[in-house]
Amino acid sequence: MEQVQVRAHAKINLAIDVVGKRTDGYHDLKMIMQSLALHDTLTLTKRQEAGVTIASNSTRMPLDETNIACKAAKFMIDSFSLRQGVHIDVFKRIPIAAGLAGGSSNAAAVLCGMNEMFALGLTKGKLTEIGKILGADVPYCICGGTMLAEGIGDILTPLPKHPKTVVVLAKPQRGMSTPKVFGKFSREQAGEKHPDFATILSGLETSDIDKVSRGIMSGMANVLESVTAAERPIINDIKAEFLRNGAKCALMSGSGPTVFAYFADERQANIAAAALRRKFSQLNEIIVTSIE
């Protein structure tokens, strides 16, 4: 096979708790992760020349060896002694540095695409082992769907399928560094509030979107907001505006700064998106999508 095309889906976190600090510098986490219909499209093409090249419609994405998609391709070439190189073309739709796992999903797509293109026969379990070497979110992005993620995010347990709903994403212009957010996180600053995992899980089990939304809104569903929202106060303003415009819930995804909100239908979602565009000139992107 000379060429494959792979979708790389964005993700949101319905809940994030930091449960401990590890000796390797990482944090132990407990999260509920969900993939969205929003996706990048990666086209992988074999090259007769050795090495990896990359192109993209995005002017903000690095097009060199610092790109995690390039790192994924090089790892596969080196690990399996592949004689041909790979060209990666990324059609970007997922905002960059947004807390939506855009880079990790691209790396996951490269691993899966090269497995198919070079007929390597790797199982999903083996691909997730490789993914963990590249980044904490990559194993989840290989699997997708609705997952409980523990450890550094690499210990995955499938959960009942998330009920369908419309999702609006709002990303402020200034991004956030994930290592910086985790470096500044402290349990004292976050307080004693934790995500309401029980209500969210109950809503997933009964396919009750209203209960899932209530769970997201109770407790502190994303403890990293205690860091990011302190540095980007607009995050709380965006959440409040979403709720004023009929959102079932609103929460920062990942380490931020993107805020997501659930809506009953596309009409409501588009009205809310328009309201946010009018109110916040600092928003980089507003995207209407859905649960995958």
Protein backbone atom coordinates (compact mmCIF):
# COMPACT_ATOMS: atom_id res chain seq x y z
CA MET A 1 0.00 0.00 0.00
CA GLU A 2 1.53 3.31 -1.11
CA GLN A 3 -0.77 5.73 0.69
CA VAL A 4 -3.29 5.77 3.55
CA GLN A 5 -5.57 8.43 4.96
CA VAL A 6 -6.34 8.48 8.70
CA ARG A 7 -8.59 10.63 10.89
CA ALA A 8 -7.16 12.09 14.10
CA HIS A 9 -9.98 13.00 16.46
CA ALA A 10 -9.94 15.75 19.09
CA LYS A 11 -10.70 14.81 22.69
CA ILE A 12 -12.23 16.51 25.70
CA ASN A 13 -11.99 15.61 29.38
CA LEU A 14 -15.28 15.27 31.24
CA ALA A 15 -13.33 15.07 34.50
CA ILE A 16 -9.70 15.42 35.58
CA ASP A 17 -8.35 14.81 39.06
CA VAL A 18 -4.71 14.83 40.13
CA VAL A 19 -4.34 12.03 42.66
CA GLY A 20 -0.59 12.10 43.32
CA LYS A 21 2.91 13.10 42.23
CA ARG A 22 5.24 10.46 40.85
CA THR A 23 8.98 10.11 41.40
CA ASP A 24 9.55 10.54 37.62
CA GLY A 25 8.09 14.05 37.74
CA TYR A 26 4.73 13.12 36.20
CA HIS A 27 1.42 13.24 38.06
CA ASP A 28 -0.94 10.34 38.66
CA LEU A 29 -4.30 11.24 37.19
CA LYS A 30 -7.87 10.03 37.08
CA MET A 31 -9.79 11.25 34.04
CA ILE A 32 -12.80 10.56 31.85
CA MET A 33 -11.87 11.17 28.22
CA GLN A 34 -14.13 11.49 25.20
CA SER A 35 -13.42 11.80 21.49
CA LEU A 36 -15.19 14.35 19.31
CA ALA A 37 -16.32 14.33 15.68
CA LEU A 38 -13.86 17.20 15.11
CA HIS A 39 -10.76 15.73 13.50
CA ASP A 40 -7.60 16.37 11.51
CA THR A 41 -7.05 14.34 8.36
CA LEU A 42 -3.59 12.83 7.84
CA THR A 43 -2.47 11.46 4.48
CA LEU A 44 0.61 9.24 4.70
CA THR A 45 2.56 8.48 1.53
CA LYS A 46 5.56 6.20 1.12
CA ARG A 47 8.78 7.84 -0.10
CA GLN A 48 11.64 6.06 -1.82
CA GLU A 49 14.02 8.37 0.04
CA ALA A 50 14.76 7.70 3.71
CA GLY A 51 13.39 9.91 6.45
CA VAL A 52 10.21 11.81 7.22
CA THR A 53 8.78 14.95 5.65
CA ILE A 54 5.66 16.82 6.72
CA ALA A 55 3.33 19.48 5.30
CA SER A 56 0.18 21.11 6.56
CA ASN A 57 -2.50 23.69 5.78
CA SER A 58 -1.72 25.21 9.22
CA THR A 59 0.90 27.93 9.49
CA ARG A 60 1.13 27.40 13.27
CA MET A 61 2.17 23.74 13.23
CA PRO A 62 5.93 22.97 13.30
CA LEU A 63 7.02 21.20 10.13
CA ASP A 64 10.21 19.60 11.44
CA GLU A 65 11.44 16.87 13.79
CA THR A 66 9.92 18.68 16.80
CA ASN A 67 6.45 17.72 15.55
CA ILE A 68 5.18 14.68 17.46
CA ALA A 69 3.75 13.21 14.25
CA CYS A 70 7.26 13.25 12.76
CA LYS A 71 8.62 11.66 15.94
CA ALA A 72 6.00 8.90 15.65
CA ALA A 73 6.93 8.17 12.03
CA LYS A 74 10.66 8.14 12.76
CA PHE A 75 10.11 5.79 15.71
CA MET A 76 8.24 3.34 13.47
CA ILE A 77 10.90 3.53 10.74
CA ASP A 78 13.73 2.94 13.21
CA SER A 79 11.95 0.29 15.30
CA PHE A 80 10.88 -1.85 12.35
CA SER A 81 13.86 -1.15 10.05
CA LEU A 82 11.63 0.20 7.31
CA ARG A 83 13.52 0.86 4.09
CA GLN A 84 11.21 3.58 2.79
CA GLY A 85 10.53 7.00 4.21
CA VAL A 86 7.16 8.67 4.80
CA HIS A 87 5.60 11.97 3.83
CA ILE A 88 2.86 13.20 6.18
CA ASP A 89 0.28 15.74 5.05
CA VAL A 90 -1.83 17.12 7.91
CA PHE A 91 -5.10 18.90 7.18
CA LYS A 92 -5.57 20.71 10.50
CA ARG A 93 -8.99 21.38 11.99
CA ILE A 94 -8.18 20.88 15.69
CA PRO A 95 -6.87 24.08 17.30
CA ILE A 96 -3.21 23.97 18.35
CA ALA A 97 -2.15 24.21 22.04
CA ALA A 98 -5.79 23.98 23.05
CA GLY A 99 -6.10 21.08 25.51
CA LEU A 100 -7.78 18.97 22.81
CA ALA A 101 -4.92 16.49 22.16
CA GLY A 102 -4.41 17.67 18.58
CA GLY A 103 -0.72 16.74 18.56
CA SER A 104 -1.24 13.44 20.37
CA SER A 105 -4.05 12.46 18.01
CA ASN A 106 -1.81 13.20 15.02
CA ALA A 107 0.90 10.94 16.47
CA ALA A 108 -1.68 8.20 17.11
CA ALA A 109 -2.92 8.49 13.52
CA VAL A 110 0.64 8.15 12.19
CA LEU A 111 1.22 4.99 14.25
CA CYS A 112 -2.04 3.43 13.06
CA GLY A 113 -1.56 4.59 9.48
CA MET A 114 1.99 3.26 9.20
CA ASN A 115 0.92 -0.05 10.76
CA GLU A 116 -1.61 -0.37 7.95
CA MET A 117 0.52 1.01 5.12
CA PHE A 118 3.55 -1.18 5.86
CA ALA A 119 1.42 -4.21 6.87
CA LEU A 120 3.21 -4.50 10.22
CA GLY A 121 0.39 -6.45 11.87
CA LEU A 122 0.68 -4.68 15.21
CA THR A 123 -2.20 -5.11 17.65
CA LYS A 124 -3.90 -2.12 19.25
CA GLY A 125 -2.24 -3.14 22.51
CA LYS A 126 1.23 -2.98 20.92
CA LEU A 127 0.41 0.37 19.30
CA THR A 128 -0.63 1.81 22.67
CA GLU A 129 2.68 0.61 24.18
CA ILE A 130 4.52 2.52 21.47
CA GLY A 131 2.20 5.50 21.94
CA LYS A 132 3.07 5.77 25.63
CA ILE A 133 6.72 6.35 24.67
CA LEU A 134 5.68 9.35 22.56
CA GLY A 135 3.24 11.02 24.94
CA ALA A 136 0.77 10.42 27.76
CA ASP A 137 -2.36 11.11 25.65
CA VAL A 138 -1.27 9.05 22.63
CA PRO A 139 -2.52 5.65 23.94
CA TYR A 140 -5.99 7.12 24.48
CA CYS A 141 -5.97 8.73 21.02
CA ILE A 142 -5.22 5.32 19.49
CA CYS A 143 -8.28 3.83 21.20
CA GLY A 144 -10.69 6.81 21.26
CA GLY A 145 -14.28 6.61 22.50
CA THR A 146 -15.28 7.01 26.14
CA MET A 147 -12.54 5.95 28.55
CA LEU A 148 -11.51 6.12 32.18
CA ALA A 149 -7.82 7.03 32.07
CA GLU A 150 -5.52 6.54 35.07
CA GLY A 151 -1.78 6.58 35.77
CA ILE A 152 -0.31 9.30 33.56
CA GLY A 153 -3.31 8.78 31.29
CA ASP A 154 -2.09 5.50 29.80
CA ILE A 155 -4.10 3.01 31.90
CA LEU A 156 -7.38 2.86 29.99
CA THR A 157 -10.71 1.29 30.91
CA PRO A 158 -13.57 1.46 28.39
CA LEU A 159 -16.76 3.10 29.68
CA PRO A 160 -20.34 2.99 28.36
CA LYS A 161 -20.73 4.99 25.16
CA HIS A 162 -21.35 8.69 25.70
CA PRO A 163 -24.85 9.79 24.61
CA LYS A 164 -24.91 11.96 21.49
CA THR A 165 -24.93 15.70 22.04
CA VAL A 166 -23.83 18.90 20.31
CA VAL A 167 -20.57 20.39 21.60
CA VAL A 168 -19.25 23.93 21.20
CA LEU A 169 -15.53 24.64 21.68
CA ALA A 170 -14.22 28.12 22.47
CA LYS A 171 -10.45 28.69 22.47
CA PRO A 172 -8.86 31.92 23.73
CA GLN A 173 -5.99 33.29 21.64
CA ARG A 174 -3.28 32.64 24.23
CA GLY A 175 -2.48 28.96 24.67
CA MET A 176 -1.18 27.21 27.79
CA SER A 177 1.85 24.98 28.29
CA THR A 178 0.76 21.63 29.74
CA PRO A 179 4.06 21.12 31.66
CA LYS A 180 3.72 24.63 33.08
CA VAL A 181 0.16 23.96 34.27
CA PHE A 182 1.11 20.70 35.98
CA GLY A 183 4.23 22.35 37.42
CA LYS A 184 2.10 25.02 39.08
CA PHE A 185 -0.67 22.69 40.27
CA SER A 186 -1.06 22.25 44.01
CA ARG A 187 -3.75 20.42 45.96
CA GLU A 188 -3.89 23.36 48.37
CA GLN A 189 -4.83 25.75 45.56
CA ALA A 190 -7.40 23.34 44.14
CA GLY A 191 -8.92 22.80 47.59
CA GLU A 192 -10.81 19.73 48.70
CA LYS A 193 -13.19 19.68 45.74
CA HIS A 194 -12.88 16.76 43.35
CA PRO A 195 -14.73 15.67 40.19
CA ASP A 196 -18.09 13.98 40.67
CA PHE A 197 -17.09 10.76 38.90
CA ALA A 198 -20.06 8.84 40.34
CA THR A 199 -22.71 11.06 38.73
CA ILE A 200 -20.90 11.23 35.39
CA LEU A 201 -20.47 7.44 35.31
CA SER A 202 -24.11 6.91 36.28
CA GLY A 203 -25.17 9.19 33.43
CA LEU A 204 -23.00 7.25 30.98
CA GLU A 205 -24.41 3.93 32.18
CA THR A 206 -27.99 5.13 31.65
CA SER A 207 -27.21 7.21 28.52
CA ASP A 208 -28.60 10.25 30.34
CA ILE A 209 -26.95 13.39 28.96
CA ASP A 210 -28.57 15.59 31.61
CA LYS A 211 -27.04 13.48 34.39
CA VAL A 212 -23.64 13.50 32.68
CA SER A 213 -23.91 17.29 32.47
CA ARG A 214 -24.88 17.59 36.14
CA GLY A 215 -21.86 15.51 37.07
CA ILE A 216 -19.59 17.78 35.03
CA MET A 217 -21.02 20.84 36.78
CA SER A 218 -20.77 19.50 40.33
CA GLY A 219 -17.60 19.45 42.44
CA MET A 220 -14.50 20.62 40.56
CA ALA A 221 -14.67 18.54 37.40
CA ASN A 222 -11.26 19.71 36.15
CA VAL A 223 -8.87 20.51 39.00
CA LEU A 224 -6.39 22.02 36.51
CA GLU A 225 -8.77 24.96 36.16
CA SER A 226 -7.39 26.11 39.53
CA VAL A 227 -4.14 26.90 37.68
CA THR A 228 -5.17 27.83 34.15
CA ALA A 229 -8.21 29.96 35.01
CA ALA A 230 -6.12 31.91 37.52
CA GLU A 231 -3.80 32.90 34.65
CA ARG A 232 -6.53 33.18 32.02
CA PRO A 233 -9.60 34.69 33.79
CA ILE A 234 -11.43 34.68 30.46
CA ILE A 235 -11.98 30.93 30.96
CA ASN A 236 -14.51 31.53 33.74
CA ASP A 237 -16.10 34.32 31.68
CA ILE A 238 -16.53 31.96 28.72
CA LYS A 239 -18.07 29.28 30.94
CA ALA A 240 -20.53 31.79 32.39
CA GLU A 241 -21.51 33.06 28.92
CA PHE A 242 -22.08 29.51 27.68
CA LEU A 243 -24.40 28.83 30.63
CA ARG A 244 -26.27 32.11 30.07
CA ASN A 245 -26.92 30.93 26.53
CA GLY A 246 -28.48 27.61 27.46
CA ALA A 247 -25.54 25.22 27.81
CA LYS A 248 -26.18 22.08 29.84
CA CYS A 249 -22.61 22.29 31.16
CA ALA A 250 -19.35 24.13 30.49
CA LEU A 251 -15.82 23.07 31.44
CA MET A 252 -12.21 23.64 30.48
CA SER A 253 -10.70 20.71 28.60
CA GLY A 254 -7.34 19.27 29.60
CA SER A 255 -4.82 21.87 30.73
CA GLY A 256 -6.72 24.45 28.70
CA PRO A 257 -7.40 26.99 27.61
CA THR A 258 -10.28 25.65 25.46
CA VAL A 259 -13.73 25.54 27.10
CA PHE A 260 -16.35 23.08 25.87
CA ALA A 261 -20.11 23.20 26.41
CA TYR A 262 -22.99 20.81 25.70
CA PHE A 263 -26.19 21.89 23.95
CA ALA A 264 -29.51 20.20 23.25
CA ASP A 265 -29.38 20.91 19.50
CA GLU A 266 -27.40 22.67 16.79
CA ARG A 267 -29.71 25.69 16.75
CA GLN A 268 -28.99 26.46 20.41
CA ALA A 269 -25.31 25.75 19.88
CA ASN A 270 -25.05 28.17 16.96
CA ILE A 271 -26.90 30.90 18.87
CA ALA A 272 -24.46 30.50 21.77
CA ALA A 273 -21.46 30.47 19.43
CA ALA A 274 -22.65 33.71 17.85
CA ALA A 275 -23.13 35.30 21.29
CA LEU A 276 -19.57 34.39 22.28
CA ARG A 277 -18.16 35.82 19.03
CA ARG A 278 -19.92 39.11 19.75
CA LYS A 279 -18.78 39.29 23.37
CA PHE A 280 -15.17 38.06 23.24
CA SER A 281 -12.74 39.52 20.72
CA GLN A 282 -9.99 37.46 22.42
CA LEU A 283 -11.36 34.15 21.17
CA ASN A 284 -9.15 32.48 18.59
CA GLU A 285 -11.65 29.85 17.43
CA ILE A 286 -15.24 28.79 18.11
CA ILE A 287 -16.20 25.40 16.71
CA VAL A 288 -19.53 23.57 16.72
CA THR A 289 -19.04 19.80 16.69
CA SER A 290 -20.46 16.72 18.42
CA ILE A 291 -19.58 13.64 20.44
CA GLU A 292 -17.94 11.04 18.21
